[in-house]
Each structure stands twice: as C-alpha cells, then as structure tokens.
C-alpha atoms as a PDB file:
ATOM      1  CA  UNK A   1     -49.440 151.741-137.894  1.00  0.00           C
ATOM      2  CA  UNK A   2     -52.693 150.334-136.479  1.00  0.00           C
ATOM      3  CA  UNK A   3     -52.423 147.307-138.774  1.00  0.00           C
ATOM      4  CA  UNK A   4     -48.946 146.603-137.457  1.00  0.00           C
ATOM      5  CA  UNK A   5     -50.085 146.752-133.814  1.00  0.00           C
ATOM      6  CA  UNK A   6     -53.134 144.586-134.553  1.00  0.00           C
ATOM      7  CA  UNK A   7     -50.952 142.037-136.328  1.00  0.00           C
ATOM      8  CA  UNK A   8     -49.111 141.322-133.074  1.00  0.00           C
ATOM      9  CA  UNK A   9     -52.104 139.273-131.831  1.00  0.00           C
ATOM     10  CA  UNK A  10     -54.331 138.733-134.874  1.00  0.00           C
ATOM     11  CA  UNK A  11     -54.093 137.844-138.529  1.00  0.00           C
ATOM     12  CA  UNK A  12     -54.387 141.130-140.412  1.00  0.00           C
ATOM     13  CA  UNK A  13     -55.035 141.613-144.112  1.00  0.00           C
ATOM     14  CA  UNK A  14     -54.714 145.117-145.499  1.00  0.00           C
ATOM     15  CA  UNK A  15     -56.196 146.017-148.877  1.00  0.00           C
ATOM     16  CA  UNK A  16     -54.274 148.807-150.618  1.00  0.00           C
ATOM     17  CA  UNK A  17     -53.981 150.474-154.004  1.00  0.00           C
ATOM     18  CA  UNK A  18     -50.196 150.165-153.622  1.00  0.00           C
ATOM     19  CA  UNK A  19     -48.253 147.706-151.496  1.00  0.00           C
ATOM     20  CA  UNK A  20     -46.286 149.510-148.783  1.00  0.00           C
ATOM     21  CA  UNK A  21     -42.753 148.571-147.809  1.00  0.00           C
ATOM     22  CA  UNK A  22     -43.123 146.655-144.553  1.00  0.00           C
ATOM     23  CA  UNK A  23     -40.314 144.441-143.319  1.00  0.00           C
ATOM     24  CA  UNK A  24     -41.446 144.471-139.689  1.00  0.00           C
ATOM     25  CA  UNK A  25     -45.078 143.385-139.264  1.00  0.00           C
ATOM     26  CA  UNK A  26     -46.908 140.214-140.227  1.00  0.00           C
ATOM     27  CA  UNK A  27     -49.612 142.133-142.090  1.00  0.00           C
ATOM     28  CA  UNK A  28     -50.669 140.455-145.334  1.00  0.00           C
ATOM     29  CA  UNK A  29     -51.011 143.154-148.000  1.00  0.00           C
ATOM     30  CA  UNK A  30     -53.359 142.682-150.941  1.00  0.00           C
ATOM     31  CA  UNK A  31     -53.313 144.917-153.997  1.00  0.00           C
ATOM     32  CA  UNK A  32     -56.948 145.741-154.823  1.00  0.00           C
ATOM     33  CA  UNK A  33     -59.311 148.536-155.832  1.00  0.00           C
ATOM     34  CA  UNK A  34     -62.358 148.778-153.542  1.00  0.00           C
ATOM     35  CA  UNK A  35     -64.521 149.779-156.529  1.00  0.00           C
ATOM     36  CA  UNK A  36     -64.073 146.263-157.930  1.00  0.00           C
ATOM     37  CA  UNK A  37     -65.085 142.866-156.494  1.00  0.00           C
ATOM     38  CA  UNK A  38     -62.992 142.145-153.418  1.00  0.00           C
ATOM     39  CA  UNK A  39     -60.384 139.377-153.905  1.00  0.00           C
ATOM     40  CA  UNK A  40     -61.501 137.406-150.842  1.00  0.00           C
ATOM     41  CA  UNK A  41     -63.628 134.312-150.244  1.00  0.00           C
ATOM     42  CA  UNK A  42     -67.098 134.535-148.744  1.00  0.00           C
ATOM     43  CA  UNK A  43     -67.183 134.778-144.943  1.00  0.00           C
ATOM     44  CA  UNK A  44     -63.427 135.429-144.713  1.00  0.00           C
ATOM     45  CA  UNK A  45     -63.356 138.197-142.089  1.00  0.00           C
ATOM     46  CA  UNK A  46     -64.917 138.814-138.720  1.00  0.00           C
ATOM     47  CA  UNK A  47     -63.631 142.412-138.375  1.00  0.00           C
ATOM     48  CA  UNK A  48     -63.337 145.191-140.933  1.00  0.00           C
ATOM     49  CA  UNK A  49     -61.640 148.497-140.115  1.00  0.00           C
ATOM     50  CA  UNK A  50     -61.684 151.623-142.281  1.00  0.00           C
ATOM     51  CA  UNK A  51     -60.384 154.891-140.837  1.00  0.00           C
ATOM     52  CA  UNK A  52     -61.817 157.822-142.818  1.00  0.00           C
ATOM     53  CA  UNK A  53     -61.431 156.194-146.212  1.00  0.00           C
ATOM     54  CA  UNK A  54     -64.898 154.957-147.268  1.00  0.00           C
ATOM     55  CA  UNK A  55     -65.901 158.502-148.161  1.00  0.00           C
ATOM     56  CA  UNK A  56     -63.040 158.611-150.707  1.00  0.00           C
ATOM     57  CA  UNK A  57     -63.875 155.418-152.618  1.00  0.00           C
ATOM     58  CA  UNK A  58     -64.952 155.789-156.217  1.00  0.00           C
ATOM     59  CA  UNK A  59     -63.729 159.352-156.636  1.00  0.00           C
ATOM     60  CA  UNK A  60     -60.530 158.431-158.497  1.00  0.00           C
ATOM     61  CA  UNK A  61     -58.510 160.490-156.083  1.00  0.00           C
ATOM     62  CA  UNK A  62     -55.893 157.877-155.188  1.00  0.00           C
ATOM     63  CA  UNK A  63     -55.769 155.799-158.356  1.00  0.00           C
ATOM     64  CA  UNK A  64     -59.033 153.943-157.760  1.00  0.00           C
ATOM     65  CA  UNK A  65     -61.709 153.976-160.442  1.00  0.00           C
ATOM     66  CA  UNK A  66     -64.262 156.777-160.700  1.00  0.00           C
ATOM     67  CA  UNK A  67     -67.543 155.036-159.945  1.00  0.00           C
ATOM     68  CA  UNK A  68     -70.718 156.611-158.513  1.00  0.00           C
ATOM     69  CA  UNK A  69     -71.883 153.199-157.234  1.00  0.00           C
ATOM     70  CA  UNK A  70     -68.577 152.343-155.541  1.00  0.00           C
ATOM     71  CA  UNK A  71     -69.708 152.723-151.923  1.00  0.00           C
ATOM     72  CA  UNK A  72     -72.932 150.658-152.233  1.00  0.00           C
ATOM     73  CA  UNK A  73     -70.917 148.085-154.190  1.00  0.00           C
ATOM     74  CA  UNK A  74     -68.241 147.920-151.474  1.00  0.00           C
ATOM     75  CA  UNK A  75     -70.856 147.545-148.748  1.00  0.00           C
ATOM     76  CA  UNK A  76     -72.392 144.658-150.703  1.00  0.00           C
ATOM     77  CA  UNK A  77     -68.963 143.096-151.012  1.00  0.00           C
ATOM     78  CA  UNK A  78     -68.372 143.580-147.277  1.00  0.00           C
ATOM     79  CA  UNK A  79     -71.570 141.651-146.600  1.00  0.00           C
ATOM     80  CA  UNK A  80     -70.219 138.837-148.782  1.00  0.00           C
ATOM     81  CA  UNK A  81     -66.710 138.650-147.277  1.00  0.00           C
ATOM     82  CA  UNK A  82     -67.617 139.128-143.595  1.00  0.00           C
ATOM     83  CA  UNK A  83     -69.067 136.537-141.246  1.00  0.00           C
ATOM     84  CA  UNK A  84     -72.602 136.709-139.857  1.00  0.00           C
ATOM     85  CA  UNK A  85     -71.337 138.039-136.516  1.00  0.00           C
ATOM     86  CA  UNK A  86     -68.794 140.462-137.961  1.00  0.00           C
ATOM     87  CA  UNK A  87     -67.986 143.886-136.569  1.00  0.00           C
ATOM     88  CA  UNK A  88     -67.129 146.983-138.604  1.00  0.00           C
ATOM     89  CA  UNK A  89     -65.114 149.851-137.161  1.00  0.00           C
ATOM     90  CA  UNK A  90     -65.373 152.757-139.526  1.00  0.00           C
ATOM     91  CA  UNK A  91     -65.018 156.508-139.478  1.00  0.00           C
ATOM     92  CA  UNK A  92     -66.331 158.733-142.214  1.00  0.00           C
ATOM     93  CA  UNK A  93     -66.932 162.411-142.895  1.00  0.00           C
ATOM     94  CA  UNK A  94     -70.261 163.290-141.349  1.00  0.00           C
ATOM     95  CA  UNK A  95     -72.784 166.045-142.036  1.00  0.00           C
ATOM     96  CA  UNK A  96     -75.187 167.140-144.732  1.00  0.00           C
ATOM     97  CA  UNK A  97     -75.171 164.405-147.400  1.00  0.00           C
ATOM     98  CA  UNK A  98     -73.171 165.772-150.278  1.00  0.00           C
ATOM     99  CA  UNK A  99     -70.544 164.777-152.824  1.00  0.00           C
ATOM    100  CA  UNK A 100     -67.588 167.102-153.139  1.00  0.00           C
ATOM    101  CA  UNK A 101     -66.364 166.113-156.595  1.00  0.00           C
ATOM    102  CA  UNK A 102     -62.992 164.396-156.504  1.00  0.00           C
ATOM    103  CA  UNK A 103     -62.394 165.093-152.804  1.00  0.00           C
ATOM    104  CA  UNK A 104     -64.862 163.326-150.512  1.00  0.00           C
ATOM    105  CA  UNK A 105     -68.462 162.497-149.642  1.00  0.00           C
ATOM    106  CA  UNK A 106     -70.331 163.404-146.452  1.00  0.00           C
ATOM    107  CA  UNK A 107     -73.141 161.334-144.950  1.00  0.00           C
ATOM    108  CA  UNK A 108     -75.977 161.982-142.494  1.00  0.00           C
ATOM    109  CA  UNK A 109     -76.637 159.518-139.671  1.00  0.00           C
ATOM    110  CA  UNK A 110     -79.791 158.082-141.260  1.00  0.00           C
ATOM    111  CA  UNK A 111     -77.910 157.572-144.547  1.00  0.00           C
ATOM    112  CA  UNK A 112     -75.233 155.595-142.690  1.00  0.00           C
ATOM    113  CA  UNK A 113     -77.921 153.452-141.041  1.00  0.00           C
ATOM    114  CA  UNK A 114     -79.536 152.804-144.420  1.00  0.00           C
ATOM    115  CA  UNK A 115     -76.268 151.998-146.216  1.00  0.00           C
ATOM    116  CA  UNK A 116     -75.199 149.533-143.536  1.00  0.00           C
ATOM    117  CA  UNK A 117     -78.649 148.033-142.956  1.00  0.00           C
ATOM    118  CA  UNK A 118     -77.379 144.482-142.267  1.00  0.00           C
ATOM    119  CA  UNK A 119     -75.234 145.896-139.459  1.00  0.00           C
ATOM    120  CA  UNK A 120     -76.593 147.537-136.333  1.00  0.00           C
ATOM    121  CA  UNK A 121     -74.866 150.644-134.986  1.00  0.00           C
ATOM    122  CA  UNK A 122     -73.610 149.541-131.585  1.00  0.00           C
ATOM    123  CA  UNK A 123     -71.810 152.732-130.659  1.00  0.00           C
ATOM    124  CA  UNK A 124     -70.586 155.986-132.213  1.00  0.00           C
ATOM    125  CA  UNK A 125     -68.877 159.238-131.408  1.00  0.00           C
ATOM    126  CA  UNK A 126     -68.886 162.442-133.465  1.00  0.00           C
ATOM    127  CA  UNK A 127     -65.752 164.604-133.630  1.00  0.00           C
ATOM    128  CA  UNK A 128     -66.774 168.130-134.582  1.00  0.00           C
ATOM    129  CA  UNK A 129     -63.179 169.356-134.586  1.00  0.00           C
ATOM    130  CA  UNK A 130     -62.414 172.448-132.556  1.00  0.00           C
ATOM    131  CA  UNK A 131     -64.782 172.822-129.585  1.00  0.00           C
ATOM    132  CA  UNK A 132     -67.740 174.941-130.619  1.00  0.00           C
ATOM    133  CA  UNK A 133     -68.469 176.754-127.373  1.00  0.00           C
ATOM    134  CA  UNK A 134     -70.267 179.447-129.368  1.00  0.00           C
ATOM    135  CA  UNK A 135     -72.870 176.788-130.251  1.00  0.00           C
ATOM    136  CA  UNK A 136     -72.805 175.077-126.865  1.00  0.00           C
ATOM    137  CA  UNK A 137     -71.052 171.969-128.231  1.00  0.00           C
ATOM    138  CA  UNK A 138     -67.914 170.217-126.981  1.00  0.00           C
ATOM    139  CA  UNK A 139     -65.408 168.686-129.420  1.00  0.00           C
ATOM    140  CA  UNK A 140     -66.842 165.156-129.062  1.00  0.00           C
ATOM    141  CA  UNK A 141     -70.560 164.437-128.889  1.00  0.00           C
ATOM    142  CA  UNK A 142     -73.174 161.771-129.450  1.00  0.00           C
ATOM    143  CA  UNK A 143     -75.898 164.307-130.103  1.00  0.00           C
ATOM    144  CA  UNK A 144     -76.796 163.609-133.728  1.00  0.00           C
ATOM    145  CA  UNK A 145     -79.673 166.101-133.842  1.00  0.00           C
ATOM    146  CA  UNK A 146     -77.552 169.009-132.579  1.00  0.00           C
ATOM    147  CA  UNK A 147     -74.743 168.275-135.035  1.00  0.00           C
ATOM    148  CA  UNK A 148     -77.165 167.945-137.928  1.00  0.00           C
ATOM    149  CA  UNK A 149     -78.955 171.181-136.992  1.00  0.00           C
ATOM    150  CA  UNK A 150     -75.976 173.368-136.109  1.00  0.00           C
ATOM    151  CA  UNK A 151     -73.026 171.857-137.962  1.00  0.00           C
ATOM    152  CA  UNK A 152     -74.479 170.161-141.055  1.00  0.00           C
ATOM    153  CA  UNK A 153     -72.190 172.108-143.369  1.00  0.00           C
ATOM    154  CA  UNK A 154     -69.068 171.548-141.294  1.00  0.00           C
ATOM    155  CA  UNK A 155     -66.439 168.828-141.720  1.00  0.00           C
ATOM    156  CA  UNK A 156     -67.227 166.441-138.898  1.00  0.00           C
ATOM    157  CA  UNK A 157     -66.035 162.855-138.493  1.00  0.00           C
ATOM    158  CA  UNK A 158     -68.145 160.082-137.025  1.00  0.00           C
ATOM    159  CA  UNK A 159     -66.542 156.969-135.561  1.00  0.00           C
ATOM    160  CA  UNK A 160     -68.829 153.933-135.624  1.00  0.00           C
ATOM    161  CA  UNK A 161     -68.902 150.400-134.309  1.00  0.00           C
ATOM    162  CA  UNK A 162     -71.398 148.288-136.296  1.00  0.00           C
ATOM    163  CA  UNK A 163     -72.345 144.666-135.603  1.00  0.00           C
ATOM    164  CA  UNK A 164     -73.846 142.402-138.238  1.00  0.00           C
ATOM    165  CA  UNK A 165     -77.156 140.860-137.187  1.00  0.00           C
ATOM    166  CA  UNK A 166     -78.416 138.671-140.056  1.00  0.00           C
END
C-alpha cells in the first residue's frame, strides 16, 4: 500500500521474494533475496524504507536463505546501493538483543547505532504496544533508557529515520 502511494510522485522499486499482482501502481518490482547481493547498481537509491522486516532477514521464514550474517551483509549492500546523502526509514523489533530462532531478532538502541554506523539517527519513536500505566509509560516514547530498563523483554517496535553522513 505505502509503495503504491509513494509511486504517485516518486519512482519506487520494491524488492520482494515473490512478485505481487499489481495492475494499478507504477511500482517496479524486483525478485530478490536480501541475504544475497542486491541486484542494483552502486548509488542507485536516495531513500530506503523497510517496515518491520529487517529483523526477519536470514531466518528462512519467508523463503529467504538461512544466514546468520544476513543483516550485516544487507547493511553493507545498502551502503553500496544508496547515495551519500541517503535516508533510511526503518522499523524493527526493539528490546534486549536476542535471536528468536526462525521468528525474529530484537535489537537494543546501541546495537542499531553500531549496525548503521554510516548513517546517523535523525529521529526515532518507540512503540511499546499497549500503554503501560503500571510502569509509568505511555504507548509511544523516546525514552530509550526507560524502555531498556523496564521493557527489555517485551516486544517493542522502534521507528527510525537515519541519514547517511559519509
């Protein structure tokens, strides 16, 4: 849906494990596995968007390859295919760093900063799900320390805007 809306004013390329049926939008669909080298030229994109999917890469859950190095590899590939002033809009499962075999991976804030070290975190928002009034937390917060202390084991999602600075 978001790709279709974005394609009204911009050129949009969507990388998928299966090509969807789309007779309406101008989205260009590319069949590719994110655990492999991306099928794009260097410096091809100025924006990359990934809504809660990076934490699934390399787990073999959706037909992609099982690969423990898939996320660092993809980030390296993103550096190659994005321009020097690119922006990434990503959301990933957030909390105590842990791999839940064949389901997802969670990341702490400092791990995200380290993984995306050629991009600077410009803005972020953490969705902790249902408001946690018992812990003094609203549903949405920017308080990394409180989330990591009180909700590290929970399923939180962090939405990030990252800007490349090299």
